[in-house]
Amino acid sequence: MDDDPRVRTWAPVCQAVAALLGPYAEVVLHDPGTDRIMAVWNPMSARGPGDPSLLGELDALDPSAPDVFGPYEKLLADGRRLSSVSAILRDPDGRASVVLCVNLDRTPLEQAAAVLSAFGAPTVSRPEPLFEHDWSERVQHVVGSYVRECGRPVERLTRADRLAVLARLDEAKVFAVRRATPVVAGALRVSRSTLYGLLAELRAPNAKDHAR
C-alpha cells in the first residue's frame, strides 16, 4: 500500500515515532474504510500490510470524545505488556482517513524499574555495631533520618525541627566528642554560633521535653 497517498502523507510521522522509540514501539497505520492494515514500522507480530485491522466500528465511539485514545494496556501472546495509543486522523471534510496506533513494549521499563528498586531498597537492617564508634556517620544518619521523616530538606528545617534533631544527637552522645560541633553545624547548614544558641536552648530546663 506504499502507493496510497495517505501512507505517503503520514509515513514521515510514523517513521519519526518509530525512530525515537527504537525497537520498543510498533507503529501501525490502519484504513478504517476497509479495516485493513496499511503499513507497519517495527512490527511486533507477524501481521503486515493487507492483514485485517479488526478495529471495529468507529461509529460506535462517543462522537464527543477526542480523536486520541489511551494510553491503554494490550497484551502480546508471549506475555509482553504494551502501552498503546490510537489516534483518528481525519481528512479536510472531517471523515476518518486513517487510524494511527503506537504500541510501546513496557518490558524494558519494567525491568529497569525492578533493577532500580532492588538497588534502592535495603533488605536488611543497618548493622549498628559497625557504626558504634563512627560519630560522624552517626551525625549524618540522625540528620538524614529526620529529614526523610519530616519530608523537608535540611535548608527548610524550622527552629523546632533543629531542636528535635539536636535532642536526638544529644541522646546519641554525639556532643561528648570534642570535634562534633562543627560537623553537626555543617550537617544542619547553620553557623556554629547558631548551633551554640540552639544547644543552650535545648539544655535549658524543660527544653528537651518540648523538643520531643
N, C-alpha and C. Protein backbone atom coordinates (compact mmCIF):
# COMPACT_ATOMS: atom_id res chain seq x y z
N MET A 1 0.81 -1.21 0.00
CA MET A 1 0.00 0.00 0.00
C MET A 1 0.84 1.26 0.00
N ASP A 2 2.14 1.13 -0.37
CA ASP A 2 3.01 2.30 -0.37
C ASP A 2 2.56 3.37 -1.35
N ASP A 3 1.75 2.99 -2.35
CA ASP A 3 1.31 3.98 -3.32
C ASP A 3 0.08 4.73 -2.85
N ASP A 4 -0.46 4.37 -1.70
CA ASP A 4 -1.63 5.07 -1.15
C ASP A 4 -1.19 6.46 -0.70
N PRO A 5 -1.83 7.52 -1.14
CA PRO A 5 -1.41 8.87 -0.76
C PRO A 5 -1.47 9.11 0.75
N ARG A 6 -2.35 8.40 1.43
CA ARG A 6 -2.43 8.56 2.89
C ARG A 6 -1.17 8.02 3.56
N VAL A 7 -0.65 6.92 3.04
CA VAL A 7 0.59 6.37 3.58
C VAL A 7 1.74 7.33 3.33
N ARG A 8 1.80 7.89 2.11
CA ARG A 8 2.87 8.83 1.80
C ARG A 8 2.79 10.07 2.69
N THR A 9 1.56 10.48 3.03
CA THR A 9 1.38 11.67 3.88
C THR A 9 1.84 11.41 5.30
N TRP A 10 1.48 10.28 5.86
CA TRP A 10 1.73 10.02 7.27
C TRP A 10 2.98 9.20 7.54
N ALA A 11 3.60 8.64 6.51
CA ALA A 11 4.80 7.83 6.72
C ALA A 11 5.91 8.57 7.47
N PRO A 12 6.22 9.83 7.13
CA PRO A 12 7.28 10.52 7.88
C PRO A 12 7.00 10.62 9.37
N VAL A 13 5.73 10.85 9.73
CA VAL A 13 5.36 10.91 11.15
C VAL A 13 5.59 9.55 11.81
N CYS A 14 5.14 8.50 11.15
CA CYS A 14 5.29 7.15 11.70
C CYS A 14 6.76 6.77 11.81
N GLN A 15 7.54 7.12 10.81
CA GLN A 15 8.96 6.82 10.84
C GLN A 15 9.65 7.57 11.97
N ALA A 16 9.24 8.81 12.21
CA ALA A 16 9.84 9.61 13.28
C ALA A 16 9.56 9.00 14.64
N VAL A 17 8.31 8.59 14.87
CA VAL A 17 7.95 7.97 16.15
C VAL A 17 8.70 6.66 16.33
N ALA A 18 8.77 5.85 15.28
CA ALA A 18 9.47 4.57 15.35
C ALA A 18 10.96 4.77 15.61
N ALA A 19 11.55 5.79 14.99
CA ALA A 19 12.98 6.06 15.19
C ALA A 19 13.25 6.53 16.61
N LEU A 20 12.36 7.36 17.15
CA LEU A 20 12.55 7.89 18.50
C LEU A 20 12.46 6.79 19.56
N LEU A 21 11.48 5.90 19.41
CA LEU A 21 11.24 4.87 20.41
C LEU A 21 11.97 3.57 20.10
N GLY A 22 12.76 3.58 19.04
CA GLY A 22 13.63 2.44 18.73
C GLY A 22 12.87 1.14 18.52
N PRO A 23 13.48 0.04 18.94
CA PRO A 23 12.85 -1.26 18.69
C PRO A 23 11.71 -1.59 19.63
N TYR A 24 11.39 -0.67 20.55
CA TYR A 24 10.41 -0.98 21.58
C TYR A 24 9.00 -0.49 21.24
N ALA A 25 8.82 0.10 20.06
CA ALA A 25 7.50 0.60 19.70
C ALA A 25 7.13 0.16 18.30
N GLU A 26 5.92 -0.34 18.18
CA GLU A 26 5.36 -0.69 16.88
C GLU A 26 4.41 0.44 16.47
N VAL A 27 4.55 0.90 15.25
CA VAL A 27 3.69 1.97 14.73
C VAL A 27 2.90 1.41 13.55
N VAL A 28 1.58 1.57 13.61
CA VAL A 28 0.72 0.95 12.61
C VAL A 28 -0.26 1.98 12.05
N LEU A 29 -0.41 1.97 10.73
CA LEU A 29 -1.45 2.77 10.07
C LEU A 29 -2.57 1.84 9.61
N HIS A 30 -3.79 2.16 10.00
CA HIS A 30 -4.95 1.35 9.62
C HIS A 30 -5.87 2.14 8.68
N ASP A 31 -6.49 1.42 7.77
CA ASP A 31 -7.51 2.01 6.89
C ASP A 31 -8.87 1.71 7.51
N PRO A 32 -9.56 2.71 8.06
CA PRO A 32 -10.85 2.45 8.70
C PRO A 32 -11.94 2.07 7.71
N GLY A 33 -11.75 2.42 6.43
CA GLY A 33 -12.75 2.09 5.43
C GLY A 33 -12.78 0.61 5.08
N THR A 34 -11.61 0.01 4.96
CA THR A 34 -11.52 -1.42 4.61
C THR A 34 -11.20 -2.29 5.81
N ASP A 35 -10.89 -1.67 6.95
CA ASP A 35 -10.47 -2.38 8.16
C ASP A 35 -9.26 -3.26 7.87
N ARG A 36 -8.29 -2.66 7.15
CA ARG A 36 -7.05 -3.36 6.82
C ARG A 36 -5.84 -2.55 7.28
N ILE A 37 -4.75 -3.25 7.56
CA ILE A 37 -3.50 -2.58 7.89
C ILE A 37 -2.89 -2.00 6.62
N MET A 38 -2.46 -0.75 6.69
CA MET A 38 -1.87 -0.09 5.54
C MET A 38 -0.34 -0.18 5.56
N ALA A 39 0.26 -0.01 6.75
CA ALA A 39 1.72 -0.05 6.87
C ALA A 39 2.07 -0.28 8.32
N VAL A 40 3.25 -0.89 8.54
CA VAL A 40 3.72 -1.19 9.89
C VAL A 40 5.20 -0.83 9.98
N TRP A 41 5.59 -0.18 11.07
CA TRP A 41 7.00 0.09 11.36
C TRP A 41 7.34 -0.61 12.69
N ASN A 42 8.50 -1.27 12.73
CA ASN A 42 8.92 -2.06 13.90
C ASN A 42 7.85 -3.07 14.31
N PRO A 43 7.45 -3.97 13.41
CA PRO A 43 6.37 -4.91 13.74
C PRO A 43 6.74 -5.80 14.92
N MET A 44 5.77 -6.02 15.80
CA MET A 44 5.96 -6.89 16.97
C MET A 44 5.27 -8.24 16.80
N SER A 45 4.58 -8.42 15.70
CA SER A 45 3.92 -9.70 15.42
C SER A 45 4.04 -9.96 13.92
N ALA A 46 3.41 -11.05 13.48
CA ALA A 46 3.54 -11.44 12.07
C ALA A 46 2.61 -10.67 11.15
N ARG A 47 1.77 -9.82 11.69
CA ARG A 47 0.82 -9.11 10.83
C ARG A 47 1.54 -8.05 10.01
N GLY A 48 0.98 -7.76 8.84
CA GLY A 48 1.59 -6.79 7.94
C GLY A 48 0.55 -6.12 7.07
N PRO A 49 0.99 -5.30 6.11
CA PRO A 49 0.06 -4.60 5.23
C PRO A 49 -0.91 -5.57 4.54
N GLY A 50 -2.17 -5.19 4.54
CA GLY A 50 -3.20 -6.01 3.92
C GLY A 50 -3.92 -6.92 4.89
N ASP A 51 -3.33 -7.15 6.07
CA ASP A 51 -3.99 -8.01 7.05
C ASP A 51 -5.14 -7.26 7.71
N PRO A 52 -6.11 -8.00 8.25
CA PRO A 52 -7.25 -7.33 8.91
C PRO A 52 -6.79 -6.50 10.11
N SER A 53 -7.39 -5.35 10.25
CA SER A 53 -7.10 -4.50 11.40
C SER A 53 -7.89 -4.92 12.62
N LEU A 54 -9.12 -5.37 12.39
CA LEU A 54 -10.02 -5.77 13.48
C LEU A 54 -10.26 -4.62 14.46
N LEU A 55 -10.44 -3.43 13.90
CA LEU A 55 -10.63 -2.26 14.74
C LEU A 55 -12.04 -2.14 15.29
N GLY A 56 -13.01 -2.71 14.62
CA GLY A 56 -14.39 -2.47 15.00
C GLY A 56 -14.93 -1.22 14.31
N GLU A 57 -16.13 -0.85 14.67
CA GLU A 57 -16.79 0.27 14.02
C GLU A 57 -16.45 1.59 14.73
N LEU A 58 -15.87 2.53 13.99
CA LEU A 58 -15.55 3.83 14.58
C LEU A 58 -16.82 4.59 14.94
N ASP A 59 -17.91 4.29 14.24
CA ASP A 59 -19.17 4.98 14.52
C ASP A 59 -19.68 4.67 15.93
N ALA A 60 -19.19 3.58 16.50
CA ALA A 60 -19.65 3.20 17.84
C ALA A 60 -18.98 4.04 18.92
N LEU A 61 -17.93 4.79 18.57
CA LEU A 61 -17.25 5.63 19.54
C LEU A 61 -18.10 6.84 19.89
N ASP A 62 -17.93 7.35 21.07
CA ASP A 62 -18.62 8.56 21.50
C ASP A 62 -18.22 9.71 20.59
N PRO A 63 -19.16 10.31 19.87
CA PRO A 63 -18.80 11.39 18.93
C PRO A 63 -18.22 12.62 19.62
N SER A 64 -18.47 12.78 20.91
CA SER A 64 -17.92 13.94 21.62
C SER A 64 -16.53 13.67 22.18
N ALA A 65 -16.06 12.41 22.06
CA ALA A 65 -14.75 12.07 22.61
C ALA A 65 -13.65 12.63 21.71
N PRO A 66 -12.48 12.87 22.26
CA PRO A 66 -11.36 13.33 21.43
C PRO A 66 -10.91 12.22 20.49
N ASP A 67 -10.13 12.60 19.49
CA ASP A 67 -9.69 11.61 18.50
C ASP A 67 -8.43 10.86 18.92
N VAL A 68 -7.94 11.10 20.12
CA VAL A 68 -6.77 10.39 20.63
C VAL A 68 -7.21 9.56 21.83
N PHE A 69 -6.93 8.27 21.80
CA PHE A 69 -7.37 7.35 22.85
C PHE A 69 -6.16 6.67 23.49
N GLY A 70 -6.14 6.63 24.81
CA GLY A 70 -5.06 5.97 25.52
C GLY A 70 -4.25 6.95 26.34
N PRO A 71 -3.16 6.43 26.93
CA PRO A 71 -2.62 5.08 26.79
C PRO A 71 -3.52 4.03 27.47
N TYR A 72 -3.67 2.88 26.82
CA TYR A 72 -4.40 1.75 27.37
C TYR A 72 -3.51 0.51 27.23
N GLU A 73 -3.83 -0.52 27.97
CA GLU A 73 -2.96 -1.71 28.00
C GLU A 73 -3.39 -2.75 26.98
N LYS A 74 -2.38 -3.38 26.36
CA LYS A 74 -2.60 -4.52 25.47
C LYS A 74 -1.59 -5.59 25.85
N LEU A 75 -1.89 -6.84 25.52
CA LEU A 75 -1.00 -7.95 25.79
C LEU A 75 -0.67 -8.69 24.51
N LEU A 76 0.61 -9.07 24.37
CA LEU A 76 1.01 -9.93 23.26
C LEU A 76 0.92 -11.38 23.70
N ALA A 77 0.91 -12.29 22.73
CA ALA A 77 0.78 -13.72 23.04
C ALA A 77 1.93 -14.23 23.90
N ASP A 78 3.11 -13.57 23.81
CA ASP A 78 4.26 -14.02 24.60
C ASP A 78 4.27 -13.43 26.01
N GLY A 79 3.20 -12.72 26.36
CA GLY A 79 3.07 -12.18 27.70
C GLY A 79 3.54 -10.75 27.87
N ARG A 80 4.14 -10.16 26.85
CA ARG A 80 4.60 -8.79 26.99
C ARG A 80 3.43 -7.82 27.11
N ARG A 81 3.60 -6.83 27.96
CA ARG A 81 2.57 -5.81 28.16
C ARG A 81 2.93 -4.58 27.34
N LEU A 82 1.93 -4.02 26.69
CA LEU A 82 2.11 -2.84 25.85
C LEU A 82 1.28 -1.68 26.39
N SER A 83 1.82 -0.50 26.25
CA SER A 83 1.03 0.72 26.44
C SER A 83 0.74 1.27 25.05
N SER A 84 -0.53 1.42 24.75
CA SER A 84 -0.93 1.77 23.38
C SER A 84 -1.71 3.08 23.33
N VAL A 85 -1.52 3.77 22.21
CA VAL A 85 -2.26 5.00 21.93
C VAL A 85 -2.79 4.90 20.50
N SER A 86 -4.04 5.28 20.31
CA SER A 86 -4.64 5.29 18.97
C SER A 86 -5.15 6.70 18.66
N ALA A 87 -4.93 7.13 17.43
CA ALA A 87 -5.38 8.46 17.01
C ALA A 87 -6.11 8.35 15.69
N ILE A 88 -7.28 8.94 15.62
CA ILE A 88 -8.04 9.00 14.37
C ILE A 88 -7.62 10.26 13.62
N LEU A 89 -7.08 10.08 12.44
CA LEU A 89 -6.62 11.21 11.63
C LEU A 89 -7.65 11.46 10.54
N ARG A 90 -8.15 12.67 10.48
CA ARG A 90 -9.29 12.97 9.60
C ARG A 90 -8.87 13.77 8.38
N ASP A 91 -9.68 13.65 7.32
CA ASP A 91 -9.43 14.42 6.11
C ASP A 91 -10.04 15.81 6.27
N PRO A 92 -9.85 16.71 5.29
CA PRO A 92 -10.38 18.08 5.44
C PRO A 92 -11.88 18.15 5.66
N ASP A 93 -12.61 17.10 5.26
CA ASP A 93 -14.06 17.10 5.46
C ASP A 93 -14.48 16.51 6.80
N GLY A 94 -13.50 16.12 7.61
CA GLY A 94 -13.82 15.59 8.92
C GLY A 94 -14.04 14.10 8.97
N ARG A 95 -13.89 13.42 7.85
CA ARG A 95 -14.07 11.96 7.83
C ARG A 95 -12.79 11.27 8.29
N ALA A 96 -12.94 10.14 8.98
CA ALA A 96 -11.78 9.38 9.43
C ALA A 96 -11.01 8.87 8.22
N SER A 97 -9.78 9.32 8.08
CA SER A 97 -8.96 8.94 6.93
C SER A 97 -8.11 7.71 7.26
N VAL A 98 -7.37 7.79 8.36
CA VAL A 98 -6.56 6.66 8.82
C VAL A 98 -6.62 6.63 10.35
N VAL A 99 -6.26 5.48 10.90
CA VAL A 99 -6.10 5.35 12.35
C VAL A 99 -4.64 5.00 12.61
N LEU A 100 -3.98 5.84 13.40
CA LEU A 100 -2.57 5.64 13.75
C LEU A 100 -2.50 5.04 15.15
N CYS A 101 -1.81 3.90 15.26
CA CYS A 101 -1.64 3.25 16.55
C CYS A 101 -0.15 3.11 16.88
N VAL A 102 0.21 3.44 18.11
CA VAL A 102 1.57 3.27 18.61
C VAL A 102 1.50 2.31 19.80
N ASN A 103 2.23 1.20 19.71
CA ASN A 103 2.24 0.19 20.76
C ASN A 103 3.64 0.12 21.36
N LEU A 104 3.78 0.54 22.62
CA LEU A 104 5.08 0.60 23.28
C LEU A 104 5.26 -0.60 24.19
N ASP A 105 6.33 -1.36 23.95
CA ASP A 105 6.66 -2.51 24.79
C ASP A 105 7.17 -2.02 26.14
N ARG A 106 6.48 -2.37 27.22
CA ARG A 106 6.84 -1.90 28.55
C ARG A 106 7.89 -2.78 29.22
N THR A 107 8.29 -3.86 28.57
CA THR A 107 9.23 -4.81 29.20
C THR A 107 10.52 -4.14 29.67
N PRO A 108 11.24 -3.37 28.82
CA PRO A 108 12.48 -2.76 29.31
C PRO A 108 12.26 -1.77 30.43
N LEU A 109 11.13 -1.06 30.43
CA LEU A 109 10.84 -0.13 31.51
C LEU A 109 10.60 -0.87 32.82
N GLU A 110 9.87 -1.99 32.75
CA GLU A 110 9.59 -2.77 33.95
C GLU A 110 10.86 -3.42 34.48
N GLN A 111 11.73 -3.87 33.57
CA GLN A 111 13.00 -4.46 34.01
C GLN A 111 13.88 -3.41 34.68
N ALA A 112 13.93 -2.21 34.08
CA ALA A 112 14.74 -1.14 34.67
C ALA A 112 14.19 -0.74 36.03
N ALA A 113 12.87 -0.67 36.17
CA ALA A 113 12.26 -0.32 37.45
C ALA A 113 12.58 -1.36 38.51
N ALA A 114 12.58 -2.64 38.12
CA ALA A 114 12.90 -3.71 39.08
C ALA A 114 14.34 -3.60 39.55
N VAL A 115 15.26 -3.29 38.61
CA VAL A 115 16.68 -3.16 38.97
C VAL A 115 16.88 -1.98 39.91
N LEU A 116 16.28 -0.83 39.57
CA LEU A 116 16.42 0.36 40.41
C LEU A 116 15.81 0.14 41.79
N SER A 117 14.67 -0.56 41.83
CA SER A 117 14.02 -0.84 43.10
C SER A 117 14.90 -1.72 43.97
N ALA A 118 15.57 -2.70 43.35
CA ALA A 118 16.44 -3.60 44.10
C ALA A 118 17.64 -2.85 44.68
N PHE A 119 18.17 -1.90 43.91
CA PHE A 119 19.30 -1.10 44.40
C PHE A 119 18.85 -0.13 45.49
N GLY A 120 17.66 0.43 45.36
CA GLY A 120 17.24 1.50 46.25
C GLY A 120 16.57 1.04 47.53
N ALA A 121 16.28 -0.24 47.66
CA ALA A 121 15.55 -0.71 48.83
C ALA A 121 16.40 -1.70 49.63
N PRO A 122 17.02 -1.26 50.73
CA PRO A 122 17.80 -2.20 51.54
C PRO A 122 16.93 -3.34 52.05
N THR A 123 17.50 -4.54 52.10
CA THR A 123 16.72 -5.71 52.51
C THR A 123 17.04 -6.14 53.93
N VAL A 124 18.07 -5.56 54.54
CA VAL A 124 18.41 -5.89 55.93
C VAL A 124 18.59 -4.60 56.71
N SER A 125 18.47 -4.70 58.03
CA SER A 125 18.66 -3.52 58.86
C SER A 125 20.13 -3.15 58.95
N ARG A 126 20.39 -1.92 59.28
CA ARG A 126 21.76 -1.42 59.37
C ARG A 126 22.51 -2.11 60.52
N PRO A 127 23.71 -2.61 60.29
CA PRO A 127 24.49 -3.25 61.36
C PRO A 127 25.10 -2.22 62.29
N GLU A 128 24.38 -1.86 63.33
CA GLU A 128 24.79 -0.76 64.20
C GLU A 128 26.18 -0.94 64.82
N PRO A 129 26.60 -2.17 65.19
CA PRO A 129 27.94 -2.29 65.78
C PRO A 129 29.06 -1.75 64.89
N LEU A 130 28.83 -1.80 63.55
CA LEU A 130 29.86 -1.30 62.65
C LEU A 130 30.03 0.21 62.77
N PHE A 131 28.97 0.89 63.20
CA PHE A 131 28.99 2.36 63.24
C PHE A 131 29.03 2.91 64.67
N GLU A 132 29.19 2.01 65.63
CA GLU A 132 29.09 2.42 67.02
C GLU A 132 30.09 3.52 67.38
N HIS A 133 31.30 3.43 66.83
CA HIS A 133 32.34 4.39 67.19
C HIS A 133 32.55 5.47 66.12
N ASP A 134 31.77 5.42 65.06
CA ASP A 134 31.90 6.42 63.99
C ASP A 134 30.88 7.53 64.26
N TRP A 135 31.26 8.51 65.08
CA TRP A 135 30.31 9.54 65.47
C TRP A 135 29.91 10.43 64.31
N SER A 136 30.81 10.66 63.32
CA SER A 136 30.44 11.49 62.17
C SER A 136 29.37 10.79 61.32
N GLU A 137 29.49 9.47 61.20
CA GLU A 137 28.45 8.69 60.49
C GLU A 137 27.13 8.77 61.25
N ARG A 138 27.24 8.78 62.58
CA ARG A 138 26.03 8.87 63.41
C ARG A 138 25.32 10.20 63.19
N VAL A 139 26.10 11.27 63.06
CA VAL A 139 25.51 12.59 62.81
C VAL A 139 24.73 12.57 61.50
N GLN A 140 25.38 12.08 60.44
CA GLN A 140 24.72 12.03 59.14
C GLN A 140 23.46 11.18 59.18
N HIS A 141 23.53 10.06 59.89
CA HIS A 141 22.39 9.14 59.96
C HIS A 141 21.22 9.78 60.68
N VAL A 142 21.50 10.44 61.83
CA VAL A 142 20.42 11.05 62.60
C VAL A 142 19.77 12.19 61.83
N VAL A 143 20.59 13.08 61.25
CA VAL A 143 20.04 14.20 60.49
C VAL A 143 19.29 13.71 59.26
N GLY A 144 19.88 12.77 58.53
CA GLY A 144 19.23 12.24 57.34
C GLY A 144 17.92 11.55 57.64
N SER A 145 17.86 10.81 58.75
CA SER A 145 16.62 10.12 59.14
C SER A 145 15.52 11.13 59.44
N TYR A 146 15.88 12.21 60.13
CA TYR A 146 14.88 13.22 60.46
C TYR A 146 14.36 13.91 59.20
N VAL A 147 15.27 14.23 58.29
CA VAL A 147 14.87 14.89 57.04
C VAL A 147 13.90 14.02 56.27
N ARG A 148 14.16 12.71 56.20
CA ARG A 148 13.26 11.81 55.49
C ARG A 148 11.91 11.73 56.19
N GLU A 149 11.91 11.75 57.51
CA GLU A 149 10.65 11.66 58.26
C GLU A 149 9.77 12.88 58.04
N CYS A 150 10.38 14.06 58.10
CA CYS A 150 9.58 15.28 58.00
C CYS A 150 9.30 15.70 56.56
N GLY A 151 10.07 15.17 55.62
CA GLY A 151 9.82 15.47 54.21
C GLY A 151 10.28 16.84 53.76
N ARG A 152 11.16 17.46 54.54
CA ARG A 152 11.69 18.78 54.17
C ARG A 152 13.20 18.69 54.07
N PRO A 153 13.82 19.42 53.12
CA PRO A 153 15.28 19.42 53.05
C PRO A 153 15.87 20.13 54.26
N VAL A 154 17.16 19.90 54.50
CA VAL A 154 17.84 20.48 55.66
C VAL A 154 17.67 22.00 55.70
N GLU A 155 17.77 22.64 54.52
CA GLU A 155 17.71 24.10 54.47
C GLU A 155 16.36 24.65 54.96
N ARG A 156 15.32 23.81 54.94
CA ARG A 156 13.98 24.30 55.31
C ARG A 156 13.54 23.81 56.69
N LEU A 157 14.45 23.23 57.45
CA LEU A 157 14.09 22.82 58.80
C LEU A 157 13.80 24.04 59.66
N THR A 158 12.75 23.95 60.46
CA THR A 158 12.42 25.05 61.36
C THR A 158 13.29 24.98 62.62
N ARG A 159 13.16 26.00 63.46
CA ARG A 159 13.92 26.00 64.72
C ARG A 159 13.51 24.80 65.57
N ALA A 160 12.20 24.50 65.60
CA ALA A 160 11.72 23.34 66.36
C ALA A 160 12.29 22.05 65.79
N ASP A 161 12.39 21.97 64.45
CA ASP A 161 12.98 20.79 63.82
C ASP A 161 14.42 20.62 64.27
N ARG A 162 15.19 21.70 64.23
CA ARG A 162 16.60 21.61 64.59
C ARG A 162 16.78 21.22 66.06
N LEU A 163 15.91 21.74 66.91
CA LEU A 163 15.97 21.34 68.31
C LEU A 163 15.68 19.85 68.47
N ALA A 164 14.73 19.35 67.71
CA ALA A 164 14.41 17.93 67.79
C ALA A 164 15.59 17.08 67.31
N VAL A 165 16.26 17.52 66.24
CA VAL A 165 17.43 16.78 65.74
C VAL A 165 18.54 16.82 66.79
N LEU A 166 18.78 17.99 67.37
CA LEU A 166 19.83 18.10 68.38
C LEU A 166 19.53 17.24 69.60
N ALA A 167 18.26 17.11 69.93
CA ALA A 167 17.90 16.24 71.05
C ALA A 167 18.27 14.79 70.74
N ARG A 168 18.03 14.36 69.52
CA ARG A 168 18.39 13.00 69.12
C ARG A 168 19.91 12.83 69.14
N LEU A 169 20.63 13.82 68.66
CA LEU A 169 22.09 13.74 68.65
C LEU A 169 22.64 13.73 70.08
N ASP A 170 21.99 14.49 70.95
CA ASP A 170 22.44 14.53 72.34
C ASP A 170 22.22 13.16 72.99
N GLU A 171 21.07 12.55 72.70
CA GLU A 171 20.79 11.22 73.23
C GLU A 171 21.79 10.19 72.70
N ALA A 172 22.26 10.41 71.47
CA ALA A 172 23.25 9.50 70.89
C ALA A 172 24.66 9.82 71.36
N LYS A 173 24.78 10.82 72.28
CA LYS A 173 26.07 11.19 72.89
C LYS A 173 27.09 11.71 71.87
N VAL A 174 26.57 12.33 70.81
CA VAL A 174 27.45 12.89 69.79
C VAL A 174 28.26 14.05 70.36
N PHE A 175 27.62 14.86 71.21
CA PHE A 175 28.30 16.06 71.70
C PHE A 175 29.34 15.76 72.77
N ALA A 176 29.46 14.48 73.13
CA ALA A 176 30.55 14.09 74.02
C ALA A 176 31.89 14.09 73.29
N VAL A 177 31.83 14.11 71.97
CA VAL A 177 33.04 14.16 71.15
C VAL A 177 33.44 15.62 70.97
N ARG A 178 34.67 15.95 71.22
CA ARG A 178 35.11 17.35 71.22
C ARG A 178 34.94 18.01 69.87
N ARG A 179 35.17 17.28 68.79
CA ARG A 179 35.14 17.90 67.45
C ARG A 179 33.76 17.79 66.78
N ALA A 180 32.74 17.47 67.54
CA ALA A 180 31.43 17.21 66.93
C ALA A 180 30.71 18.48 66.50
N THR A 181 30.93 19.58 67.23
CA THR A 181 30.13 20.80 66.98
C THR A 181 30.22 21.29 65.53
N PRO A 182 31.40 21.46 64.92
CA PRO A 182 31.44 21.94 63.53
C PRO A 182 30.83 20.93 62.54
N VAL A 183 30.94 19.65 62.86
CA VAL A 183 30.35 18.64 61.96
C VAL A 183 28.83 18.73 62.00
N VAL A 184 28.26 18.87 63.20
CA VAL A 184 26.81 19.00 63.33
C VAL A 184 26.32 20.29 62.67
N ALA A 185 27.06 21.39 62.89
CA ALA A 185 26.68 22.66 62.26
C ALA A 185 26.67 22.52 60.74
N GLY A 186 27.67 21.84 60.19
CA GLY A 186 27.70 21.64 58.75
C GLY A 186 26.56 20.77 58.26
N ALA A 187 26.21 19.72 59.02
CA ALA A 187 25.13 18.84 58.61
C ALA A 187 23.78 19.55 58.63
N LEU A 188 23.61 20.47 59.60
CA LEU A 188 22.35 21.21 59.71
C LEU A 188 22.34 22.50 58.89
N ARG A 189 23.48 22.82 58.24
CA ARG A 189 23.62 24.02 57.42
C ARG A 189 23.37 25.30 58.23
N VAL A 190 23.94 25.35 59.44
CA VAL A 190 23.84 26.55 60.26
C VAL A 190 25.25 26.93 60.72
N SER A 191 25.39 28.15 61.20
CA SER A 191 26.68 28.59 61.72
C SER A 191 26.92 27.98 63.10
N ARG A 192 28.18 28.03 63.54
CA ARG A 192 28.49 27.49 64.87
C ARG A 192 27.79 28.30 65.95
N SER A 193 27.73 29.62 65.78
CA SER A 193 27.08 30.46 66.79
C SER A 193 25.60 30.11 66.90
N THR A 194 24.95 29.85 65.75
CA THR A 194 23.54 29.44 65.78
C THR A 194 23.39 28.10 66.49
N LEU A 195 24.33 27.19 66.21
CA LEU A 195 24.27 25.87 66.83
C LEU A 195 24.44 25.99 68.35
N TYR A 196 25.37 26.84 68.80
CA TYR A 196 25.57 27.01 70.25
C TYR A 196 24.30 27.57 70.89
N GLY A 197 23.64 28.50 70.19
CA GLY A 197 22.39 29.05 70.71
C GLY A 197 21.31 27.99 70.82
N LEU A 198 21.22 27.13 69.83
CA LEU A 198 20.23 26.05 69.87
C LEU A 198 20.53 25.07 70.99
N LEU A 199 21.81 24.76 71.17
CA LEU A 199 22.18 23.83 72.24
C LEU A 199 21.85 24.42 73.61
N ALA A 200 22.10 25.72 73.77
CA ALA A 200 21.76 26.36 75.04
C ALA A 200 20.25 26.30 75.29
N GLU A 201 19.47 26.51 74.22
CA GLU A 201 18.02 26.45 74.36
C GLU A 201 17.57 25.03 74.68
N LEU A 202 18.23 24.07 74.02
CA LEU A 202 17.87 22.67 74.24
C LEU A 202 18.15 22.24 75.68
N ARG A 203 19.24 22.71 76.25
CA ARG A 203 19.66 22.26 77.58
C ARG A 203 19.06 23.10 78.71
N ALA A 204 18.25 24.09 78.33
CA ALA A 204 17.55 24.85 79.35
C ALA A 204 16.50 23.94 80.02
N PRO A 205 16.05 24.27 81.24
CA PRO A 205 15.06 23.43 81.91
C PRO A 205 13.82 23.20 81.06
N ASN A 206 13.37 21.95 80.98
CA ASN A 206 12.17 21.52 80.24
C ASN A 206 12.30 21.63 78.73
N ALA A 207 13.46 22.03 78.21
CA ALA A 207 13.60 22.23 76.77
C ALA A 207 13.57 20.91 76.03
N LYS A 208 14.17 19.85 76.58
CA LYS A 208 14.22 18.58 75.87
C LYS A 208 12.82 17.99 75.71
N ASP A 209 11.99 18.14 76.74
CA ASP A 209 10.63 17.62 76.61
C ASP A 209 9.89 18.34 75.51
N HIS A 210 10.13 19.65 75.37
CA HIS A 210 9.48 20.42 74.31
C HIS A 210 9.99 20.00 72.95
N ALA A 211 11.30 19.71 72.82
CA ALA A 211 11.88 19.30 71.54
C ALA A 211 11.32 17.98 71.07
N ARG A 212 10.98 17.10 72.00
CA ARG A 212 10.43 15.80 71.61
C ARG A 212 8.99 15.94 71.14
